[in-house]
């Protein structure tokens, strides 16, 4: 079982994207995850970490929900 944290920029309005990622992870991998937490941030952040290891960072990766789910699945 793994813990996923999705940190998103509140001032940028990234809550909807964070919720979209959270929903996709819970729908596809829910039984394999202990927790999928939304973490508020700022300065344009949108990252996904599995057990403290970053698997998606919008500064480096293209936003693709299916790709993020694949990355998380690969860490389980």
C-alpha atoms as a PDB file:
ATOM      1  CA  UNK A   1       0.000   0.000   0.000  1.00  0.00           C
ATOM      2  CA  UNK A   2       1.241   3.461  -0.879  1.00  0.00           C
ATOM      3  CA  UNK A   3       0.566   7.073   0.024  1.00  0.00           C
ATOM      4  CA  UNK A   4       0.104   9.608  -2.766  1.00  0.00           C
ATOM      5  CA  UNK A   5       0.312  13.360  -2.261  1.00  0.00           C
ATOM      6  CA  UNK A   6      -0.856  15.816  -4.885  1.00  0.00           C
ATOM      7  CA  UNK A   7       0.474  19.299  -4.193  1.00  0.00           C
ATOM      8  CA  UNK A   8      -1.270  22.051  -6.132  1.00  0.00           C
ATOM      9  CA  UNK A   9      -1.077  25.833  -6.394  1.00  0.00           C
ATOM     10  CA  UNK A  10      -4.119  27.441  -4.775  1.00  0.00           C
ATOM     11  CA  UNK A  11      -3.658  30.958  -6.266  1.00  0.00           C
ATOM     12  CA  UNK A  12      -3.216  29.421  -9.751  1.00  0.00           C
ATOM     13  CA  UNK A  13      -6.551  27.609  -9.531  1.00  0.00           C
ATOM     14  CA  UNK A  14      -5.065  24.113  -9.914  1.00  0.00           C
ATOM     15  CA  UNK A  15      -7.597  22.535  -7.527  1.00  0.00           C
ATOM     16  CA  UNK A  16      -9.667  21.160 -10.422  1.00  0.00           C
ATOM     17  CA  UNK A  17      -6.610  19.460 -11.959  1.00  0.00           C
ATOM     18  CA  UNK A  18      -5.586  18.063  -8.558  1.00  0.00           C
ATOM     19  CA  UNK A  19      -9.085  16.674  -8.033  1.00  0.00           C
ATOM     20  CA  UNK A  20      -9.053  15.162 -11.522  1.00  0.00           C
ATOM     21  CA  UNK A  21      -5.789  13.357 -10.730  1.00  0.00           C
ATOM     22  CA  UNK A  22      -7.098  12.261  -7.319  1.00  0.00           C
ATOM     23  CA  UNK A  23     -10.295  10.859  -8.843  1.00  0.00           C
ATOM     24  CA  UNK A  24      -8.406   8.958 -11.565  1.00  0.00           C
ATOM     25  CA  UNK A  25      -6.024   7.440  -9.019  1.00  0.00           C
ATOM     26  CA  UNK A  26      -8.787   6.380  -6.646  1.00  0.00           C
ATOM     27  CA  UNK A  27     -10.926   4.983  -9.477  1.00  0.00           C
ATOM     28  CA  UNK A  28      -8.087   3.008 -11.014  1.00  0.00           C
ATOM     29  CA  UNK A  29      -5.864   2.111  -8.059  1.00  0.00           C
ATOM     30  CA  UNK A  30      -7.984   2.755  -4.965  1.00  0.00           C
ATOM     31  CA  UNK A  31      -7.560  -0.699  -3.442  1.00  0.00           C
ATOM     32  CA  UNK A  32      -3.765  -0.436  -3.716  1.00  0.00           C
ATOM     33  CA  UNK A  33      -3.469   2.973  -2.046  1.00  0.00           C
ATOM     34  CA  UNK A  34      -3.534   3.894   1.637  1.00  0.00           C
ATOM     35  CA  UNK A  35      -4.183   7.560   0.982  1.00  0.00           C
ATOM     36  CA  UNK A  36      -4.442  10.101  -1.828  1.00  0.00           C
ATOM     37  CA  UNK A  37      -4.030  13.520  -0.200  1.00  0.00           C
ATOM     38  CA  UNK A  38      -4.421  16.996  -1.644  1.00  0.00           C
ATOM     39  CA  UNK A  39      -1.757  19.380  -0.321  1.00  0.00           C
ATOM     40  CA  UNK A  40      -2.110  23.122  -0.820  1.00  0.00           C
ATOM     41  CA  UNK A  41       0.810  25.049  -2.250  1.00  0.00           C
ATOM     42  CA  UNK A  42       1.697  28.133  -4.249  1.00  0.00           C
ATOM     43  CA  UNK A  43       4.196  29.450  -6.827  1.00  0.00           C
ATOM     44  CA  UNK A  44       2.672  27.402  -9.657  1.00  0.00           C
ATOM     45  CA  UNK A  45       3.270  23.978  -8.106  1.00  0.00           C
ATOM     46  CA  UNK A  46       1.496  20.861  -9.347  1.00  0.00           C
ATOM     47  CA  UNK A  47       3.277  17.687  -8.311  1.00  0.00           C
ATOM     48  CA  UNK A  48       2.392  14.078  -7.545  1.00  0.00           C
ATOM     49  CA  UNK A  49       4.508  12.035  -5.146  1.00  0.00           C
ATOM     50  CA  UNK A  50       4.273   8.365  -4.192  1.00  0.00           C
ATOM     51  CA  UNK A  51       5.750   7.642  -0.766  1.00  0.00           C
ATOM     52  CA  UNK A  52       7.675  10.958  -0.969  1.00  0.00           C
ATOM     53  CA  UNK A  53       9.117  10.201  -4.449  1.00  0.00           C
ATOM     54  CA  UNK A  54       7.981  12.679  -7.120  1.00  0.00           C
ATOM     55  CA  UNK A  55       6.470  10.963 -10.165  1.00  0.00           C
ATOM     56  CA  UNK A  56       4.993  14.074 -11.821  1.00  0.00           C
ATOM     57  CA  UNK A  57       6.008  17.722 -11.800  1.00  0.00           C
ATOM     58  CA  UNK A  58       4.269  20.121 -14.171  1.00  0.00           C
ATOM     59  CA  UNK A  59       7.536  22.043 -14.546  1.00  0.00           C
ATOM     60  CA  UNK A  60       9.149  18.966 -16.143  1.00  0.00           C
ATOM     61  CA  UNK A  61       6.302  16.785 -17.409  1.00  0.00           C
ATOM     62  CA  UNK A  62       3.350  17.280 -19.739  1.00  0.00           C
ATOM     63  CA  UNK A  63      -0.008  17.175 -17.943  1.00  0.00           C
ATOM     64  CA  UNK A  64      -1.607  13.822 -18.796  1.00  0.00           C
ATOM     65  CA  UNK A  65      -3.853  12.216 -16.192  1.00  0.00           C
ATOM     66  CA  UNK A  66      -3.538   8.738 -17.734  1.00  0.00           C
ATOM     67  CA  UNK A  67       0.243   9.105 -17.789  1.00  0.00           C
ATOM     68  CA  UNK A  68       0.255  10.123 -14.123  1.00  0.00           C
ATOM     69  CA  UNK A  69      -1.814   7.056 -13.216  1.00  0.00           C
ATOM     70  CA  UNK A  70       0.666   4.865 -15.140  1.00  0.00           C
ATOM     71  CA  UNK A  71       3.588   6.434 -13.272  1.00  0.00           C
ATOM     72  CA  UNK A  72       1.915   5.842  -9.921  1.00  0.00           C
ATOM     73  CA  UNK A  73       1.015   2.262 -10.883  1.00  0.00           C
ATOM     74  CA  UNK A  74       4.676   1.667 -11.749  1.00  0.00           C
ATOM     75  CA  UNK A  75       5.670   2.639  -8.202  1.00  0.00           C
ATOM     76  CA  UNK A  76       3.299   0.181  -6.527  1.00  0.00           C
END
